[in-house]
Amino acid sequence: MRNSGISIKNPPDNLSRVTFYIDATPIGQVNTPPFSLQFNTGSYSLGAHTLTAIGYTTSEAELTSNTIQVQFVPASASTQFILKIVLPIFGLIVIILGVFVAIPLVTGKGKLINLPLGAPRNYGVGGGAICPKCARPFPLRLWWINVGFSKIDRCPFCGKWSLVHRASPEELQKAEQAELSQAQSGSAVAGESEEDRLKKDLDESRYQNP
């Protein structure tokens, strides 16, 4: 049920009592100011109804209020609306999001980018982020999972999932320069295992069996 109220605005000083009506049926009488009455719309059918009031002065003069047309929506109707309309729409949104998340997880599994350290890259309109695992900058995907001002994304270089944020152009340039310094010094990339490094060395050497 939904609580609603009806009241008399600016009643005359000699008003002594008021009877309130819904669809010409009395719902209660108030004998003291401020001449207001609470009722439950859930007790009435869904749709249009009329609200009126008849007041009586101390000299028993009868005063009739204006008629007000209102629409009642019982709580049961609201629940049915949610079940029939809102929940299916919400379910469809969840399914669509699930598809957009599942496809990259399946198709992109194990596929990493073998880009040399310090190599220039295009971050696109989505901007770039810096992987907290290997410290390498990579382009952000616009449609990926947002968590506030951050995204849950997978680094295309080390393959690790992390919570990252969009980095500024200066931060991305600094990360690229750090990559170049690592390449020149021959030091390992942060977060890179020995197996990953050996695999990368083999790829870069383009070794082939005779």
Protein backbone atom coordinates (compact mmCIF):
# COMPACT_ATOMS: atom_id res chain seq x y z
CA MET A 1 0.00 0.00 0.00
CA ARG A 2 1.05 3.60 -0.63
CA ASN A 3 0.18 6.34 1.87
CA SER A 4 -1.27 9.57 0.50
CA GLY A 5 -2.88 12.60 2.04
CA ILE A 6 -5.63 15.10 1.35
CA SER A 7 -6.03 18.46 3.08
CA ILE A 8 -7.86 21.80 2.98
CA LYS A 9 -5.70 24.76 1.98
CA ASN A 10 -6.36 28.12 3.63
CA PRO A 11 -9.52 27.05 5.53
CA PRO A 12 -11.77 29.82 6.89
CA ASP A 13 -11.43 30.64 10.57
CA ASN A 14 -14.99 29.47 11.34
CA LEU A 15 -14.54 26.02 9.77
CA SER A 16 -15.46 23.40 12.36
CA ARG A 17 -15.32 20.05 10.54
CA VAL A 18 -14.57 18.52 7.11
CA THR A 19 -15.69 15.26 5.50
CA PHE A 20 -13.42 13.92 2.74
CA TYR A 21 -14.67 11.85 -0.21
CA ILE A 22 -13.15 9.58 -2.84
CA ASP A 23 -15.51 8.97 -5.76
CA ALA A 24 -18.40 10.42 -3.73
CA THR A 25 -17.77 7.90 -0.93
CA PRO A 26 -16.84 9.40 2.47
CA ILE A 27 -13.47 8.19 3.75
CA GLY A 28 -13.31 10.15 7.01
CA GLN A 29 -14.17 13.26 8.96
CA VAL A 30 -11.74 15.69 10.61
CA ASN A 31 -12.94 18.00 13.37
CA THR A 32 -9.75 19.97 14.10
CA PRO A 33 -7.26 22.00 12.07
CA PRO A 34 -5.27 21.53 9.88
CA PHE A 35 -8.13 19.43 8.40
CA SER A 36 -6.03 16.79 6.64
CA LEU A 37 -6.54 13.05 6.25
CA GLN A 38 -4.21 10.16 5.35
CA PHE A 39 -5.36 7.17 3.27
CA ASN A 40 -3.90 4.24 1.31
CA THR A 41 -4.17 4.21 -2.47
CA GLY A 42 -3.70 0.44 -2.33
CA SER A 43 -7.25 0.16 -1.03
CA TYR A 44 -8.58 1.44 -4.34
CA SER A 45 -8.49 0.22 -7.92
CA LEU A 46 -5.83 1.27 -10.38
CA GLY A 47 -6.85 4.31 -12.44
CA ALA A 48 -8.60 7.67 -12.20
CA HIS A 49 -10.45 8.80 -9.05
CA THR A 50 -12.04 12.03 -7.80
CA LEU A 51 -11.23 13.71 -4.49
CA THR A 52 -13.66 16.15 -2.87
CA ALA A 53 -14.43 17.56 0.56
CA ILE A 54 -17.42 19.14 2.26
CA GLY A 55 -16.81 21.45 5.19
CA TYR A 56 -19.13 22.92 7.81
CA THR A 57 -18.73 26.21 9.61
CA THR A 58 -19.61 26.88 13.23
CA SER A 59 -22.97 28.15 11.99
CA GLU A 60 -23.50 24.85 10.04
CA ALA A 61 -23.05 26.51 6.68
CA GLU A 62 -21.96 23.95 4.08
CA LEU A 63 -18.82 24.58 1.97
CA THR A 64 -17.96 22.32 -0.98
CA SER A 65 -14.41 22.04 -2.30
CA ASN A 66 -13.27 21.81 -5.89
CA THR A 67 -13.15 18.34 -7.45
CA ILE A 68 -9.64 16.96 -8.03
CA GLN A 69 -8.91 14.20 -10.55
CA VAL A 70 -6.04 11.88 -9.57
CA GLN A 71 -4.49 8.61 -10.75
CA PHE A 72 -3.99 5.84 -8.17
CA VAL A 73 -1.19 3.32 -8.67
CA PRO A 74 -1.35 0.66 -5.91
CA ALA A 75 1.91 -0.89 -4.73
CA SER A 76 0.89 -4.21 -6.28
CA ALA A 77 0.70 -2.53 -9.70
CA SER A 78 4.19 -1.05 -9.21
CA THR A 79 5.57 -4.48 -8.37
CA GLN A 80 3.95 -6.01 -11.45
CA PHE A 81 5.40 -3.23 -13.60
CA ILE A 82 8.90 -3.96 -12.27
CA LEU A 83 8.51 -7.69 -12.84
CA LYS A 84 7.10 -7.34 -16.36
CA ILE A 85 9.12 -4.41 -17.73
CA VAL A 86 12.16 -3.45 -15.66
CA LEU A 87 13.54 -6.91 -14.83
CA PRO A 88 13.54 -8.19 -18.45
CA ILE A 89 15.32 -5.02 -19.59
CA PHE A 90 17.87 -5.36 -16.79
CA GLY A 91 18.38 -9.03 -17.68
CA LEU A 92 18.95 -8.13 -21.34
CA ILE A 93 21.57 -5.54 -20.33
CA VAL A 94 23.36 -8.13 -18.18
CA ILE A 95 23.38 -10.62 -21.07
CA ILE A 96 24.76 -8.04 -23.51
CA LEU A 97 27.50 -7.03 -21.09
CA GLY A 98 28.31 -10.69 -20.49
CA VAL A 99 28.71 -11.27 -24.24
CA PHE A 100 31.00 -8.26 -24.63
CA VAL A 101 33.12 -9.49 -21.72
CA ALA A 102 33.14 -13.19 -22.63
CA ILE A 103 34.14 -12.83 -26.28
CA PRO A 104 37.44 -11.01 -25.61
CA LEU A 105 38.21 -13.41 -22.76
CA VAL A 106 37.84 -16.41 -25.08
CA THR A 107 39.28 -15.03 -28.31
CA GLY A 108 42.11 -13.10 -26.65
CA LYS A 109 43.25 -15.82 -24.28
CA GLY A 110 47.00 -16.42 -24.54
CA LYS A 111 47.44 -14.00 -27.45
CA LEU A 112 50.05 -11.43 -26.49
CA ILE A 113 51.69 -8.65 -28.46
CA ASN A 114 55.41 -9.01 -29.09
CA LEU A 115 56.33 -5.31 -29.36
CA PRO A 116 59.97 -4.31 -28.76
CA LEU A 117 60.70 -2.22 -25.69
CA GLY A 118 60.40 1.49 -26.36
CA ALA A 119 58.70 1.01 -29.73
CA PRO A 120 56.25 3.81 -30.62
CA ARG A 121 52.57 2.90 -30.41
CA ASN A 122 49.17 4.43 -31.15
CA TYR A 123 46.86 4.64 -28.13
CA GLY A 124 43.80 5.76 -30.09
CA VAL A 125 40.78 7.64 -28.75
CA GLY A 126 40.60 5.42 -25.66
CA GLY A 127 43.97 6.60 -24.43
CA GLY A 128 46.55 4.44 -22.76
CA ALA A 129 47.35 2.92 -19.39
CA ILE A 130 50.50 1.64 -17.72
CA CYS A 131 50.49 -1.97 -16.58
CA PRO A 132 51.25 -2.17 -12.83
CA LYS A 133 52.80 -5.62 -13.38
CA CYS A 134 55.32 -5.03 -16.18
CA ALA A 135 55.22 -1.19 -16.27
CA ARG A 136 54.63 -1.19 -20.03
CA PRO A 137 52.14 1.29 -21.55
CA PHE A 138 49.31 -0.12 -23.68
CA PRO A 139 46.11 1.15 -25.39
CA LEU A 140 42.90 1.01 -23.36
CA ARG A 141 39.77 -0.57 -24.83
CA LEU A 142 36.82 1.81 -24.77
CA TRP A 143 34.17 -0.86 -24.15
CA TRP A 144 36.02 -2.72 -21.39
CA ILE A 145 34.94 -3.10 -17.73
CA ASN A 146 34.72 0.25 -15.88
CA VAL A 147 35.15 0.44 -12.10
CA GLY A 148 34.64 4.08 -11.18
CA PHE A 149 37.43 6.08 -12.84
CA SER A 150 39.47 2.91 -13.50
CA LYS A 151 39.17 -0.12 -15.78
CA ILE A 152 39.82 -3.82 -15.37
CA ASP A 153 41.96 -4.61 -18.40
CA ARG A 154 44.51 -7.15 -19.61
CA CYS A 155 48.01 -6.05 -20.50
CA PRO A 156 48.75 -7.24 -24.07
CA PHE A 157 52.44 -7.62 -23.21
CA CYS A 158 52.56 -9.64 -19.97
CA GLY A 159 48.99 -10.98 -20.15
CA LYS A 160 48.19 -9.97 -16.55
CA TRP A 161 44.79 -8.57 -15.51
CA SER A 162 44.92 -5.36 -13.44
CA LEU A 163 42.91 -2.36 -12.31
CA VAL A 164 44.31 0.50 -14.38
CA HIS A 165 43.46 4.14 -15.05
CA ARG A 166 43.91 6.31 -18.11
CA ALA A 167 47.41 7.76 -18.05
CA SER A 168 48.33 11.23 -19.24
CA PRO A 169 50.41 11.70 -22.42
CA GLU A 170 53.35 12.68 -20.25
CA GLU A 171 53.06 9.49 -18.16
CA LEU A 172 52.83 7.35 -21.29
CA GLN A 173 55.88 9.03 -22.83
CA LYS A 174 57.83 8.54 -19.62
CA ALA A 175 56.88 4.83 -19.57
CA GLU A 176 58.03 4.45 -23.20
CA GLN A 177 61.35 6.10 -22.34
CA ALA A 178 61.73 3.73 -19.38
CA GLU A 179 61.16 0.82 -21.78
CA LEU A 180 63.84 2.15 -24.11
CA SER A 181 66.30 2.47 -21.23
CA GLN A 182 65.58 -1.16 -20.24
CA ALA A 183 66.17 -2.29 -23.82
CA GLN A 184 69.49 -0.43 -24.02
CA SER A 185 70.69 -1.77 -20.67
CA GLY A 186 69.44 -5.31 -21.37
CA SER A 187 67.62 -5.48 -18.00
CA ALA A 188 64.51 -7.60 -17.54
CA VAL A 189 61.05 -6.13 -17.74
CA ALA A 190 59.30 -5.76 -14.38
CA GLY A 191 56.96 -8.68 -13.71
CA GLU A 192 58.52 -10.78 -16.49
CA SER A 193 59.40 -14.36 -15.57
CA GLU A 194 62.50 -16.15 -16.85
CA GLU A 195 60.30 -18.33 -19.02
CA ASP A 196 58.63 -15.27 -20.54
CA ARG A 197 62.01 -13.70 -21.26
CA LEU A 198 63.37 -16.84 -22.93
CA LYS A 199 60.23 -17.14 -25.02
CA LYS A 200 60.54 -13.51 -26.08
CA ASP A 201 64.24 -13.94 -26.94
CA LEU A 202 63.36 -16.93 -29.13
CA ASP A 203 60.65 -14.94 -30.92
CA GLU A 204 62.95 -12.00 -31.51
CA SER A 205 65.78 -14.21 -32.80
CA ARG A 206 63.39 -15.79 -35.33
CA TYR A 207 65.10 -19.15 -34.72
CA GLN A 208 63.97 -21.95 -37.03
CA ASN A 209 64.89 -25.65 -37.10
CA PRO A 210 66.79 -26.70 -40.21
